[in-house]
Amino acid sequence: MTTYHFCLASRHFLLEEEPLEEVLKERTRNYHEREQEIDFWLVEQPAFLEAPEFKEMKEQCPQPSAAIISTNPTFITWLRLRLEYVATGQFEAPSESIPEPLKSLAPVSAS
C-alpha cells in the first residue's frame, strides 16, 4: 500500500479563488528540470471522501470539493501553509474502503 497525503477544499476555492494553476505549473516545471516523477494530482470530487473514515470531513467541506493528492507529505505541508483554508489528511490505498486513490466522482463533460 501507498500512503497518500492531501489538501482538500471546495472546488471553487481551490480552482477559482487561489492561483493553484500557477503553483502546480511551477511545481511540474521544477520536477521536469530535476527529472523527477510527478507525485501529485488534482482530483475534483475525490472518491476517497466516500470512505467511512472521511464521512465527517466530507460533511464539513463545501461541495463540490477538490483535492491535491500526493505521495510527498512535504509538498502537502507546503501547500497547507500556502493556501491556508484547506483541510489536510492522509490515507493508505489501495484498500477495501479506498480501492482507487485518485478516482474522481466528477461527471466527465463531453467537449
PDB file of N, CA and C in Angstrom:
ATOM      1  N   MET A   1       0.830  -1.189   0.000  1.00  0.00           N
ATOM      2  CA  MET A   1       0.000   0.000   0.000  1.00  0.00           C
ATOM      3  C   MET A   1       0.872   1.249   0.000  1.00  0.00           C
ATOM      4  N   THR A   2       0.303   2.307  -0.515  1.00  0.00           N
ATOM      5  CA  THR A   2       0.977   3.596  -0.589  1.00  0.00           C
ATOM      6  C   THR A   2       0.248   4.582   0.313  1.00  0.00           C
ATOM      7  N   THR A   3       1.000   5.442   0.970  1.00  0.00           N
ATOM      8  CA  THR A   3       0.397   6.499   1.775  1.00  0.00           C
ATOM      9  C   THR A   3       0.236   7.732   0.905  1.00  0.00           C
ATOM     10  N   TYR A   4      -0.990   8.234   0.847  1.00  0.00           N
ATOM     11  CA  TYR A   4      -1.314   9.441   0.097  1.00  0.00           C
ATOM     12  C   TYR A   4      -1.654  10.544   1.089  1.00  0.00           C
ATOM     13  N   HIS A   5      -1.181  11.741   0.814  1.00  0.00           N
ATOM     14  CA  HIS A   5      -1.438  12.918   1.631  1.00  0.00           C
ATOM     15  C   HIS A   5      -2.259  13.865   0.768  1.00  0.00           C
ATOM     16  N   PHE A   6      -3.099  14.684   1.384  1.00  0.00           N
ATOM     17  CA  PHE A   6      -3.939  15.545   0.572  1.00  0.00           C
ATOM     18  C   PHE A   6      -4.270  16.867   1.244  1.00  0.00           C
ATOM     19  N   CYS A   7      -4.592  17.849   0.396  1.00  0.00           N
ATOM     20  CA  CYS A   7      -5.201  19.119   0.781  1.00  0.00           C
ATOM     21  C   CYS A   7      -6.577  19.104   0.155  1.00  0.00           C
ATOM     22  N   LEU A   8      -7.586  19.417   0.924  1.00  0.00           N
ATOM     23  CA  LEU A   8      -8.965  19.366   0.471  1.00  0.00           C
ATOM     24  C   LEU A   8      -9.649  20.700   0.729  1.00  0.00           C
ATOM     25  N   ALA A   9     -10.424  21.154  -0.248  1.00  0.00           N
ATOM     26  CA  ALA A   9     -11.211  22.380  -0.089  1.00  0.00           C
ATOM     27  C   ALA A   9     -12.337  22.343  -1.107  1.00  0.00           C
ATOM     28  N   SER A  10     -13.143  23.383  -1.080  1.00  0.00           N
ATOM     29  CA  SER A  10     -14.181  23.457  -2.106  1.00  0.00           C
ATOM     30  C   SER A  10     -13.505  23.645  -3.466  1.00  0.00           C
ATOM     31  N   ARG A  11     -14.142  23.108  -4.491  1.00  0.00           N
ATOM     32  CA  ARG A  11     -13.616  23.248  -5.849  1.00  0.00           C
ATOM     33  C   ARG A  11     -13.478  24.736  -6.181  1.00  0.00           C
ATOM     34  N   HIS A  12     -14.493  25.527  -5.815  1.00  0.00           N
ATOM     35  CA  HIS A  12     -14.480  26.961  -6.094  1.00  0.00           C
ATOM     36  C   HIS A  12     -13.252  27.632  -5.474  1.00  0.00           C
ATOM     37  N   PHE A  13     -12.977  27.332  -4.216  1.00  0.00           N
ATOM     38  CA  PHE A  13     -11.830  27.931  -3.537  1.00  0.00           C
ATOM     39  C   PHE A  13     -10.522  27.546  -4.215  1.00  0.00           C
ATOM     40  N   LEU A  14     -10.306  26.247  -4.434  1.00  0.00           N
ATOM     41  CA  LEU A  14      -9.027  25.801  -4.996  1.00  0.00           C
ATOM     42  C   LEU A  14      -8.815  26.246  -6.440  1.00  0.00           C
ATOM     43  N   LEU A  15      -9.847  26.176  -7.249  1.00  0.00           N
ATOM     44  CA  LEU A  15      -9.658  26.415  -8.676  1.00  0.00           C
ATOM     45  C   LEU A  15      -9.993  27.828  -9.141  1.00  0.00           C
ATOM     46  N   GLU A  16     -10.702  28.592  -8.338  1.00  0.00           N
ATOM     47  CA  GLU A  16     -11.079  29.929  -8.780  1.00  0.00           C
ATOM     48  C   GLU A  16     -10.541  31.053  -7.893  1.00  0.00           C
ATOM     49  N   GLU A  17     -10.466  30.815  -6.595  1.00  0.00           N
ATOM     50  CA  GLU A  17     -10.002  31.873  -5.694  1.00  0.00           C
ATOM     51  C   GLU A  17      -8.495  31.863  -5.483  1.00  0.00           C
ATOM     52  N   GLU A  18      -7.872  30.732  -5.627  1.00  0.00           N
ATOM     53  CA  GLU A  18      -6.431  30.603  -5.415  1.00  0.00           C
ATOM     54  C   GLU A  18      -5.704  30.465  -6.753  1.00  0.00           C
ATOM     55  N   PRO A  19      -4.460  30.941  -6.832  1.00  0.00           N
ATOM     56  CA  PRO A  19      -3.680  30.784  -8.068  1.00  0.00           C
ATOM     57  C   PRO A  19      -3.078  29.377  -8.158  1.00  0.00           C
ATOM     58  N   LEU A  20      -3.911  28.375  -7.967  1.00  0.00           N
ATOM     59  CA  LEU A  20      -3.428  26.996  -7.899  1.00  0.00           C
ATOM     60  C   LEU A  20      -2.793  26.535  -9.207  1.00  0.00           C
ATOM     61  N   GLU A  21      -3.376  26.933 -10.327  1.00  0.00           N
ATOM     62  CA  GLU A  21      -2.832  26.528 -11.625  1.00  0.00           C
ATOM     63  C   GLU A  21      -1.366  26.956 -11.747  1.00  0.00           C
ATOM     64  N   GLU A  22      -1.095  28.167 -11.331  1.00  0.00           N
ATOM     65  CA  GLU A  22       0.261  28.709 -11.359  1.00  0.00           C
ATOM     66  C   GLU A  22       1.202  27.881 -10.465  1.00  0.00           C
ATOM     67  N   VAL A  23       0.749  27.563  -9.274  1.00  0.00           N
ATOM     68  CA  VAL A  23       1.552  26.787  -8.324  1.00  0.00           C
ATOM     69  C   VAL A  23       1.872  25.399  -8.892  1.00  0.00           C
ATOM     70  N   LEU A  24       0.862  24.741  -9.452  1.00  0.00           N
ATOM     71  CA  LEU A  24       1.068  23.392  -9.977  1.00  0.00           C
ATOM     72  C   LEU A  24       1.932  23.397 -11.244  1.00  0.00           C
ATOM     73  N   LYS A  25       1.793  24.425 -12.076  1.00  0.00           N
ATOM     74  CA  LYS A  25       2.652  24.539 -13.270  1.00  0.00           C
ATOM     75  C   LYS A  25       4.118  24.695 -12.862  1.00  0.00           C
ATOM     76  N   GLU A  26       4.356  25.551 -11.870  1.00  0.00           N
ATOM     77  CA  GLU A  26       5.728  25.757 -11.395  1.00  0.00           C
ATOM     78  C   GLU A  26       6.295  24.479 -10.794  1.00  0.00           C
ATOM     79  N   ARG A  27       5.490  23.791 -10.031  1.00  0.00           N
ATOM     80  CA  ARG A  27       5.932  22.533  -9.422  1.00  0.00           C
ATOM     81  C   ARG A  27       6.241  21.491 -10.502  1.00  0.00           C
ATOM     82  N   THR A  28       5.401  21.410 -11.530  1.00  0.00           N
ATOM     83  CA  THR A  28       5.619  20.479 -12.634  1.00  0.00           C
ATOM     84  C   THR A  28       6.912  20.822 -13.369  1.00  0.00           C
ATOM     85  N   ARG A  29       7.117  22.108 -13.648  1.00  0.00           N
ATOM     86  CA  ARG A  29       8.348  22.544 -14.326  1.00  0.00           C
ATOM     87  C   ARG A  29       9.575  22.144 -13.500  1.00  0.00           C
ATOM     88  N   ASN A  30       9.497  22.387 -12.205  1.00  0.00           N
ATOM     89  CA  ASN A  30      10.601  22.043 -11.310  1.00  0.00           C
ATOM     90  C   ASN A  30      10.889  20.546 -11.342  1.00  0.00           C
ATOM     91  N   TYR A  31       9.863  19.721 -11.333  1.00  0.00           N
ATOM     92  CA  TYR A  31      10.035  18.271 -11.380  1.00  0.00           C
ATOM     93  C   TYR A  31      10.680  17.842 -12.687  1.00  0.00           C
ATOM     94  N   HIS A  32      10.241  18.442 -13.801  1.00  0.00           N
ATOM     95  CA  HIS A  32      10.820  18.087 -15.101  1.00  0.00           C
ATOM     96  C   HIS A  32      12.300  18.452 -15.160  1.00  0.00           C
ATOM     97  N   GLU A  33      12.650  19.624 -14.633  1.00  0.00           N
ATOM     98  CA  GLU A  33      14.056  20.048 -14.605  1.00  0.00           C
ATOM     99  C   GLU A  33      14.918  19.075 -13.804  1.00  0.00           C
ATOM    100  N   ARG A  34      14.375  18.521 -12.751  1.00  0.00           N
ATOM    101  CA  ARG A  34      15.103  17.579 -11.891  1.00  0.00           C
ATOM    102  C   ARG A  34      14.975  16.135 -12.373  1.00  0.00           C
ATOM    103  N   GLU A  35      14.214  15.952 -13.461  1.00  0.00           N
ATOM    104  CA  GLU A  35      13.924  14.618 -13.983  1.00  0.00           C
ATOM    105  C   GLU A  35      13.294  13.747 -12.893  1.00  0.00           C
ATOM    106  N   GLN A  36      12.409  14.366 -12.151  1.00  0.00           N
ATOM    107  CA  GLN A  36      11.707  13.718 -11.045  1.00  0.00           C
ATOM    108  C   GLN A  36      10.291  13.370 -11.489  1.00  0.00           C
ATOM    109  N   GLU A  37       9.830  12.190 -11.110  1.00  0.00           N
ATOM    110  CA  GLU A  37       8.491  11.747 -11.465  1.00  0.00           C
ATOM    111  C   GLU A  37       7.440  12.560 -10.707  1.00  0.00           C
ATOM    112  N   ILE A  38       6.363  12.928 -11.409  1.00  0.00           N
ATOM    113  CA  ILE A  38       5.274  13.682 -10.790  1.00  0.00           C
ATOM    114  C   ILE A  38       4.629  12.819  -9.699  1.00  0.00           C
ATOM    115  N   ASP A  39       4.477  13.399  -8.510  1.00  0.00           N
ATOM    116  CA  ASP A  39       3.914  12.662  -7.376  1.00  0.00           C
ATOM    117  C   ASP A  39       2.738  13.410  -6.753  1.00  0.00           C
ATOM    118  N   PHE A  40       2.046  14.215  -7.582  1.00  0.00           N
ATOM    119  CA  PHE A  40       0.878  14.937  -7.098  1.00  0.00           C
ATOM    120  C   PHE A  40      -0.164  15.009  -8.203  1.00  0.00           C
ATOM    121  N   TRP A  41      -1.435  15.070  -7.782  1.00  0.00           N
ATOM    122  CA  TRP A  41      -2.543  15.068  -8.725  1.00  0.00           C
ATOM    123  C   TRP A  41      -3.657  15.957  -8.189  1.00  0.00           C
ATOM    124  N   LEU A  42      -4.329  16.665  -9.081  1.00  0.00           N
ATOM    125  CA  LEU A  42      -5.513  17.437  -8.732  1.00  0.00           C
ATOM    126  C   LEU A  42      -6.716  16.574  -9.082  1.00  0.00           C
ATOM    127  N   VAL A  43      -7.571  16.318  -8.092  1.00  0.00           N
ATOM    128  CA  VAL A  43      -8.736  15.455  -8.297  1.00  0.00           C
ATOM    129  C   VAL A  43      -9.991  16.214  -7.860  1.00  0.00           C
ATOM    130  N   GLU A  44     -10.892  16.416  -8.815  1.00  0.00           N
ATOM    131  CA  GLU A  44     -12.171  17.041  -8.494  1.00  0.00           C
ATOM    132  C   GLU A  44     -13.114  15.982  -7.950  1.00  0.00           C
ATOM    133  N   GLN A  45     -13.881  16.342  -6.939  1.00  0.00           N
ATOM    134  CA  GLN A  45     -14.802  15.435  -6.253  1.00  0.00           C
ATOM    135  C   GLN A  45     -14.134  14.079  -5.985  1.00  0.00           C
ATOM    136  N   PRO A  46     -13.080  14.088  -5.161  1.00  0.00           N
ATOM    137  CA  PRO A  46     -12.331  12.848  -4.914  1.00  0.00           C
ATOM    138  C   PRO A  46     -13.178  11.744  -4.293  1.00  0.00           C
ATOM    139  N   ALA A  47     -13.058  10.564  -4.869  1.00  0.00           N
ATOM    140  CA  ALA A  47     -13.837   9.408  -4.413  1.00  0.00           C
ATOM    141  C   ALA A  47     -13.427   8.952  -3.016  1.00  0.00           C
ATOM    142  N   PHE A  48     -12.197   9.227  -2.604  1.00  0.00           N
ATOM    143  CA  PHE A  48     -11.771   8.754  -1.278  1.00  0.00           C
ATOM    144  C   PHE A  48     -12.643   9.332  -0.168  1.00  0.00           C
ATOM    145  N   LEU A  49     -13.310  10.467  -0.435  1.00  0.00           N
ATOM    146  CA  LEU A  49     -14.188  11.061   0.587  1.00  0.00           C
ATOM    147  C   LEU A  49     -15.415  10.207   0.878  1.00  0.00           C
ATOM    148  N   GLU A  50     -15.692   9.231   0.018  1.00  0.00           N
ATOM    149  CA  GLU A  50     -16.828   8.334   0.246  1.00  0.00           C
ATOM    150  C   GLU A  50     -16.494   7.253   1.276  1.00  0.00           C
ATOM    151  N   ALA A  51     -15.215   7.105   1.609  1.00  0.00           N
ATOM    152  CA  ALA A  51     -14.805   6.110   2.603  1.00  0.00           C
ATOM    153  C   ALA A  51     -15.359   6.513   3.973  1.00  0.00           C
ATOM    154  N   PRO A  52     -15.799   5.528   4.757  1.00  0.00           N
ATOM    155  CA  PRO A  52     -16.387   5.838   6.068  1.00  0.00           C
ATOM    156  C   PRO A  52     -15.496   6.704   6.957  1.00  0.00           C
ATOM    157  N   GLU A  53     -14.193   6.533   6.873  1.00  0.00           N
ATOM    158  CA  GLU A  53     -13.293   7.299   7.736  1.00  0.00           C
ATOM    159  C   GLU A  53     -13.243   8.790   7.390  1.00  0.00           C
ATOM    160  N   PHE A  54     -13.771   9.174   6.214  1.00  0.00           N
ATOM    161  CA  PHE A  54     -13.769  10.580   5.817  1.00  0.00           C
ATOM    162  C   PHE A  54     -15.173  11.197   5.810  1.00  0.00           C
ATOM    163  N   LYS A  55     -16.143  10.502   6.394  1.00  0.00           N
ATOM    164  CA  LYS A  55     -17.532  10.982   6.411  1.00  0.00           C
ATOM    165  C   LYS A  55     -17.628  12.385   7.016  1.00  0.00           C
ATOM    166  N   GLU A  56     -17.026  12.587   8.169  1.00  0.00           N
ATOM    167  CA  GLU A  56     -17.089  13.882   8.846  1.00  0.00           C
ATOM    168  C   GLU A  56     -16.393  14.973   8.038  1.00  0.00           C
ATOM    169  N   MET A  57     -15.234  14.657   7.463  1.00  0.00           N
ATOM    170  CA  MET A  57     -14.501  15.637   6.674  1.00  0.00           C
ATOM    171  C   MET A  57     -15.321  16.055   5.451  1.00  0.00           C
ATOM    172  N   LYS A  58     -15.966  15.088   4.805  1.00  0.00           N
ATOM    173  CA  LYS A  58     -16.790  15.397   3.636  1.00  0.00           C
ATOM    174  C   LYS A  58     -17.946  16.312   4.029  1.00  0.00           C
ATOM    175  N   GLU A  59     -18.571  16.042   5.169  1.00  0.00           N
ATOM    176  CA  GLU A  59     -19.695  16.855   5.634  1.00  0.00           C
ATOM    177  C   GLU A  59     -19.272  18.293   5.928  1.00  0.00           C
ATOM    178  N   GLN A  60     -18.037  18.486   6.351  1.00  0.00           N
ATOM    179  CA  GLN A  60     -17.552  19.817   6.704  1.00  0.00           C
ATOM    180  C   GLN A  60     -17.025  20.610   5.511  1.00  0.00           C
ATOM    181  N   CYS A  61     -16.721  19.940   4.414  1.00  0.00           N
ATOM    182  CA  CYS A  61     -16.139  20.606   3.248  1.00  0.00           C
ATOM    183  C   CYS A  61     -17.238  21.007   2.271  1.00  0.00           C
ATOM    184  N   PRO A  62     -17.279  22.277   1.881  1.00  0.00           N
ATOM    185  CA  PRO A  62     -18.272  22.688   0.887  1.00  0.00           C
ATOM    186  C   PRO A  62     -18.127  21.863  -0.395  1.00  0.00           C
ATOM    187  N   GLN A  63     -19.268  21.478  -0.954  1.00  0.00           N
ATOM    188  CA  GLN A  63     -19.276  20.651  -2.160  1.00  0.00           C
ATOM    189  C   GLN A  63     -19.680  21.498  -3.365  1.00  0.00           C
ATOM    190  N   PRO A  64     -19.215  21.184  -4.543  1.00  0.00           N
ATOM    191  CA  PRO A  64     -18.292  20.112  -4.854  1.00  0.00           C
ATOM    192  C   PRO A  64     -16.891  20.449  -4.339  1.00  0.00           C
ATOM    193  N   SER A  65     -16.143  19.424  -4.031  1.00  0.00           N
ATOM    194  CA  SER A  65     -14.804  19.604  -3.478  1.00  0.00           C
ATOM    195  C   SER A  65     -13.745  19.259  -4.517  1.00  0.00           C
ATOM    196  N   ALA A  66     -12.522  19.566  -4.156  1.00  0.00           N
ATOM    197  CA  ALA A  66     -11.362  19.193  -4.965  1.00  0.00           C
ATOM    198  C   ALA A  66     -10.218  18.941  -3.995  1.00  0.00           C
ATOM    199  N   ALA A  67      -9.283  18.103  -4.424  1.00  0.00           N
ATOM    200  CA  ALA A  67      -8.132  17.787  -3.575  1.00  0.00           C
ATOM    201  C   ALA A  67      -6.861  17.723  -4.405  1.00  0.00           C
ATOM    202  N   ILE A  68      -5.784  18.137  -3.801  1.00  0.00           N
ATOM    203  CA  ILE A  68      -4.465  17.871  -4.351  1.00  0.00           C
ATOM    204  C   ILE A  68      -3.970  16.691  -3.532  1.00  0.00           C
ATOM    205  N   ILE A  69      -3.687  15.601  -4.226  1.00  0.00           N
ATOM    206  CA  ILE A  69      -3.249  14.364  -3.578  1.00  0.00           C
ATOM    207  C   ILE A  69      -1.807  14.122  -3.972  1.00  0.00           C
ATOM    208  N   SER A  70      -0.987  13.720  -3.020  1.00  0.00           N
ATOM    209  CA  SER A  70       0.432  13.494  -3.287  1.00  0.00           C
ATOM    210  C   SER A  70       0.980  12.383  -2.410  1.00  0.00           C
ATOM    211  N   THR A  71       2.034  11.773  -2.881  1.00  0.00           N
ATOM    212  CA  THR A  71       2.758  10.806  -2.058  1.00  0.00           C
ATOM    213  C   THR A  71       3.881  11.514  -1.290  1.00  0.00           C
ATOM    214  N   ASN A  72       3.994  12.823  -1.486  1.00  0.00           N
ATOM    215  CA  ASN A  72       5.037  13.620  -0.849  1.00  0.00           C
ATOM    216  C   ASN A  72       4.427  14.467   0.278  1.00  0.00           C
ATOM    217  N   PRO A  73       4.603  14.065   1.529  1.00  0.00           N
ATOM    218  CA  PRO A  73       3.990  14.815   2.639  1.00  0.00           C
ATOM    219  C   PRO A  73       4.520  16.242   2.765  1.00  0.00           C
ATOM    220  N   THR A  74       5.768  16.481   2.387  1.00  0.00           N
ATOM    221  CA  THR A  74       6.347  17.820   2.482  1.00  0.00           C
ATOM    222  C   THR A  74       5.640  18.792   1.541  1.00  0.00           C
ATOM    223  N   PHE A  75       5.301  18.326   0.349  1.00  0.00           N
ATOM    224  CA  PHE A  75       4.586  19.165  -0.612  1.00  0.00           C
ATOM    225  C   PHE A  75       3.212  19.545  -0.066  1.00  0.00           C
ATOM    226  N   ILE A  76       2.514  18.604   0.528  1.00  0.00           N
ATOM    227  CA  ILE A  76       1.185  18.884   1.075  1.00  0.00           C
ATOM    228  C   ILE A  76       1.287  19.850   2.262  1.00  0.00           C
ATOM    229  N   THR A  77       2.304  19.693   3.093  1.00  0.00           N
ATOM    230  CA  THR A  77       2.514  20.636   4.196  1.00  0.00           C
ATOM    231  C   THR A  77       2.764  22.035   3.647  1.00  0.00           C
ATOM    232  N   TRP A  78       3.592  22.137   2.612  1.00  0.00           N
ATOM    233  CA  TRP A  78       3.871  23.425   1.981  1.00  0.00           C
ATOM    234  C   TRP A  78       2.581  24.034   1.420  1.00  0.00           C
ATOM    235  N   LEU A  79       1.770  23.217   0.739  1.00  0.00           N
ATOM    236  CA  LEU A  79       0.504  23.711   0.198  1.00  0.00           C
ATOM    237  C   LEU A  79      -0.419  24.190   1.318  1.00  0.00           C
ATOM    238  N   ARG A  80      -0.465  23.455   2.403  1.00  0.00           N
ATOM    239  CA  ARG A  80      -1.314  23.818   3.541  1.00  0.00           C
ATOM    240  C   ARG A  80      -0.946  25.209   4.057  1.00  0.00           C
ATOM    241  N   LEU A  81       0.336  25.475   4.150  1.00  0.00           N
ATOM    242  CA  LEU A  81       0.797  26.781   4.620  1.00  0.00           C
ATOM    243  C   LEU A  81       0.534  27.864   3.576  1.00  0.00           C
ATOM    244  N   ARG A  82       0.638  27.523   2.327  1.00  0.00           N
ATOM    245  CA  ARG A  82       0.446  28.466   1.213  1.00  0.00           C
ATOM    246  C   ARG A  82      -1.035  28.807   1.028  1.00  0.00           C
ATOM    247  N   LEU A  83      -1.904  27.813   1.116  1.00  0.00           N
ATOM    248  CA  LEU A  83      -3.313  28.015   0.807  1.00  0.00           C
ATOM    249  C   LEU A  83      -4.161  28.379   2.027  1.00  0.00           C
ATOM    250  N   GLU A  84      -3.730  28.002   3.193  1.00  0.00           N
ATOM    251  CA  GLU A  84      -4.355  28.337   4.465  1.00  0.00           C
ATOM    252  C   GLU A  84      -5.712  27.689   4.709  1.00  0.00           C
ATOM    253  N   TYR A  85      -6.727  27.964   3.908  1.00  0.00           N
ATOM    254  CA  TYR A  85      -8.081  27.491   4.191  1.00  0.00           C
ATOM    255  C   TYR A  85      -8.371  26.134   3.551  1.00  0.00           C
ATOM    256  N   VAL A  86      -7.571  25.152   3.892  1.00  0.00           N
ATOM    257  CA  VAL A  86      -7.758  23.793   3.371  1.00  0.00           C
ATOM    258  C   VAL A  86      -7.687  22.802   4.529  1.00  0.00           C
ATOM    259  N   ALA A  87      -8.310  21.670   4.318  1.00  0.00           N
ATOM    260  CA  ALA A  87      -8.179  20.568   5.276  1.00  0.00           C
ATOM    261  C   ALA A  87      -7.085  19.651   4.733  1.00  0.00           C
ATOM    262  N   THR A  88      -6.359  19.017   5.619  1.00  0.00           N
ATOM    263  CA  THR A  88      -5.339  18.071   5.185  1.00  0.00           C
ATOM    264  C   THR A  88      -5.546  16.740   5.880  1.00  0.00           C
ATOM    265  N   GLY A  89      -4.959  15.718   5.295  1.00  0.00           N
ATOM    266  CA  GLY A  89      -5.057  14.398   5.888  1.00  0.00           C
ATOM    267  C   GLY A  89      -4.255  13.413   5.076  1.00  0.00           C
ATOM    268  N   GLN A  90      -4.422  12.157   5.409  1.00  0.00           N
ATOM    269  CA  GLN A  90      -3.719  11.108   4.679  1.00  0.00           C
ATOM    270  C   GLN A  90      -4.528   9.834   4.736  1.00  0.00           C
ATOM    271  N   PHE A  91      -4.211   8.931   3.819  1.00  0.00           N
ATOM    272  CA  PHE A  91      -4.835   7.613   3.798  1.00  0.00           C
ATOM    273  C   PHE A  91      -3.909   6.654   3.077  1.00  0.00           C
ATOM    274  N   GLU A  92      -4.135   5.377   3.309  1.00  0.00           N
ATOM    275  CA  GLU A  92      -3.375   4.346   2.616  1.00  0.00           C
ATOM    276  C   GLU A  92      -4.280   3.682   1.596  1.00  0.00           C
ATOM    277  N   ALA A  93      -3.728   3.422   0.429  1.00  0.00           N
ATOM    278  CA  ALA A  93      -4.515   2.804  -0.640  1.00  0.00           C
ATOM    279  C   ALA A  93      -3.580   2.044  -1.576  1.00  0.00           C
ATOM    280  N   PRO A  94      -4.089   1.110  -2.308  1.00  0.00           N
ATOM    281  CA  PRO A  94      -5.484   0.696  -2.342  1.00  0.00           C
ATOM    282  C   PRO A  94      -5.865  -0.083  -1.078  1.00  0.00           C
ATOM    283  N   SER A  95      -7.120   0.097  -0.698  1.00  0.00           N
ATOM    284  CA  SER A  95      -7.657  -0.602   0.467  1.00  0.00           C
ATOM    285  C   SER A  95      -9.108  -0.959   0.167  1.00  0.00           C
ATOM    286  N   GLU A  96      -9.739  -1.647   1.086  1.00  0.00           N
ATOM    287  CA  GLU A  96     -11.133  -2.019   0.883  1.00  0.00           C
ATOM    288  C   GLU A  96     -12.025  -0.785   0.753  1.00  0.00           C
ATOM    289  N   SER A  97     -11.784   0.231   1.586  1.00  0.00           N
ATOM    290  CA  SER A  97     -12.630   1.426   1.544  1.00  0.00           C
ATOM    291  C   SER A  97     -12.180   2.448   0.493  1.00  0.00           C
ATOM    292  N   ILE A  98     -10.920   2.363   0.048  1.00  0.00           N
ATOM    293  CA  ILE A  98     -10.403   3.272  -0.982  1.00  0.00           C
ATOM    294  C   ILE A  98      -9.636   2.447  -2.023  1.00  0.00           C
ATOM    295  N   PRO A  99     -10.345   1.788  -2.932  1.00  0.00           N
ATOM    296  CA  PRO A  99      -9.670   0.939  -3.912  1.00  0.00           C
ATOM    297  C   PRO A  99      -8.892   1.721  -4.975  1.00  0.00           C
ATOM    298  N   GLU A 100      -9.365   2.928  -5.320  1.00  0.00           N
ATOM    299  CA  GLU A 100      -8.708   3.753  -6.339  1.00  0.00           C
ATOM    300  C   GLU A 100      -8.421   5.134  -5.749  1.00  0.00           C
ATOM    301  N   PRO A 101      -7.202   5.371  -5.282  1.00  0.00           N
ATOM    302  CA  PRO A 101      -6.901   6.603  -4.552  1.00  0.00           C
ATOM    303  C   PRO A 101      -7.063   7.896  -5.350  1.00  0.00           C
ATOM    304  N   LEU A 102      -6.942   7.847  -6.662  1.00  0.00           N
ATOM    305  CA  LEU A 102      -7.014   9.064  -7.470  1.00  0.00           C
ATOM    306  C   LEU A 102      -8.327   9.193  -8.242  1.00  0.00           C
ATOM    307  N   LYS A 103      -9.287   8.359  -7.916  1.00  0.00           N
ATOM    308  CA  LYS A 103     -10.560   8.355  -8.637  1.00  0.00           C
ATOM    309  C   LYS A 103     -11.360   9.620  -8.331  1.00  0.00           C
ATOM    310  N   SER A 104     -12.012  10.129  -9.381  1.00  0.00           N
ATOM    311  CA  SER A 104     -12.877  11.299  -9.266  1.00  0.00           C
ATOM    312  C   SER A 104     -14.321  10.878  -9.480  1.00  0.00           C
ATOM    313  N   LEU A 105     -15.221  11.520  -8.741  1.00  0.00           N
ATOM    314  CA  LEU A 105     -16.650  11.293  -8.938  1.00  0.00           C
ATOM    315  C   LEU A 105     -17.271  12.410  -9.773  1.00  0.00           C
ATOM    316  N   ALA A 106     -16.447  13.321 -10.266  1.00  0.00           N
ATOM    317  CA  ALA A 106     -16.939  14.432 -11.085  1.00  0.00           C
ATOM    318  C   ALA A 106     -17.417  13.878 -12.436  1.00  0.00           C
ATOM    319  N   PRO A 107     -18.546  14.384 -12.898  1.00  0.00           N
ATOM    320  CA  PRO A 107     -19.020  13.944 -14.204  1.00  0.00           C
ATOM    321  C   PRO A 107     -18.054  14.381 -15.300  1.00  0.00           C
ATOM    322  N   VAL A 108     -17.863  13.528 -16.276  1.00  0.00           N
ATOM    323  CA  VAL A 108     -16.982  13.827 -17.386  1.00  0.00           C
ATOM    324  C   VAL A 108     -17.787  14.635 -18.403  1.00  0.00           C
ATOM    325  N   SER A 109     -17.265  15.807 -18.753  1.00  0.00           N
ATOM    326  CA  SER A 109     -18.004  16.640 -19.701  1.00  0.00           C
ATOM    327  C   SER A 109     -17.608  16.274 -21.134  1.00  0.00           C
ATOM    328  N   ALA A 110     -18.580  16.249 -22.005  1.00  0.00           N
ATOM    329  CA  ALA A 110     -18.337  15.951 -23.421  1.00  0.00           C
ATOM    330  C   ALA A 110     -17.985  17.261 -24.117  1.00  0.00           C
ATOM    331  N   SER A 111     -16.791  17.316 -24.652  1.00  0.00           N
ATOM    332  CA  SER A 111     -16.357  18.559 -25.326  1.00  0.00           C
ATOM    333  C   SER A 111     -16.406  18.392 -26.812  1.00  0.00           C
TER     334      SER A 111
END
